[in-house]
Amino acid sequence: MSFLGSRDEPADQRTVESRKKLRESMNAQIEAFLNSGGEIEEVPSNITADPPKKPSSEYGNRPI
């Protein structure tokens, strides 16, 4: 069942039934996570993993 969500799965095998099994598996994993004390935190959509970087200057870094 690990291949159901991958791009390796051919389009003709992506059926309603296969997606239903995938959703059921994912729901079972979420329930197990929550039952073991895990928490789900909703992250705002404007948050990114990469913080802004200081611009680097390329001026004058070529050898003479």
Protein backbone atom coordinates (compact mmCIF):
# COMPACT_ATOMS: atom_id res chain seq x y z
CA MET A 1 0.00 0.00 0.00
CA SER A 2 3.01 2.32 0.27
CA PHE A 3 2.97 2.99 -3.46
CA LEU A 4 -0.60 4.32 -3.61
CA GLY A 5 0.32 7.94 -3.10
CA SER A 6 3.42 7.97 -5.24
CA ARG A 7 3.98 9.19 -8.76
CA ASP A 8 5.12 5.65 -9.61
CA GLU A 9 1.51 4.55 -9.59
CA PRO A 10 0.20 4.52 -13.17
CA ALA A 11 -2.77 6.78 -13.81
CA ASP A 12 -4.97 3.85 -14.88
CA GLN A 13 -4.52 2.31 -11.41
CA ARG A 14 -5.64 5.43 -9.55
CA THR A 15 -9.17 4.40 -8.86
CA VAL A 16 -11.75 5.60 -6.38
CA GLU A 17 -11.25 2.37 -4.45
CA SER A 18 -7.45 2.77 -4.27
CA ARG A 19 -7.85 6.34 -3.04
CA LYS A 20 -10.40 5.20 -0.46
CA LYS A 21 -7.91 2.63 0.87
CA LEU A 22 -5.22 5.29 0.99
CA ARG A 23 -7.48 7.67 2.95
CA GLU A 24 -8.43 4.90 5.38
CA SER A 25 -4.77 4.03 5.93
CA MET A 26 -3.86 7.66 6.49
CA ASN A 27 -6.76 8.16 8.90
CA ALA A 28 -5.66 5.09 10.88
CA GLN A 29 -2.11 6.47 11.11
CA ILE A 30 -3.41 9.86 12.25
CA GLU A 31 -5.60 8.24 14.91
CA ALA A 32 -2.67 6.17 16.18
CA PHE A 33 -0.52 9.32 16.33
CA LEU A 34 -3.16 11.25 18.26
CA ASN A 35 -3.86 8.32 20.61
CA SER A 36 -0.16 8.06 21.48
CA GLY A 37 -0.15 11.67 22.67
CA GLY A 38 0.75 13.43 19.44
CA GLU A 39 -0.64 16.82 18.53
CA ILE A 40 -1.51 18.35 15.20
CA GLU A 41 -0.57 22.00 14.90
CA GLU A 42 -2.13 24.11 12.17
CA VAL A 43 0.48 26.32 10.54
CA PRO A 44 -0.60 29.54 8.80
CA SER A 45 -0.25 29.41 5.02
CA ASN A 46 2.12 32.39 4.91
CA ILE A 47 4.84 30.61 6.96
CA THR A 48 7.82 29.22 5.05
CA ALA A 49 10.62 26.90 6.12
CA ASP A 50 13.34 29.13 4.67
CA PRO A 51 13.94 32.34 6.61
CA PRO A 52 14.83 35.43 4.57
CA LYS A 53 18.50 35.62 3.68
CA LYS A 54 20.72 38.67 3.82
CA PRO A 55 21.50 39.86 0.29
CA SER A 56 25.05 39.10 -0.74
CA SER A 57 27.17 41.61 -2.59
CA GLU A 58 29.10 40.39 -5.62
CA TYR A 59 30.70 43.79 -6.18
CA GLY A 60 34.50 43.65 -6.33
CA ASN A 61 34.99 39.94 -5.73
CA ARG A 62 36.69 39.24 -9.08
CA PRO A 63 40.49 38.84 -9.01
CA ILE A 64 42.59 41.68 -10.45
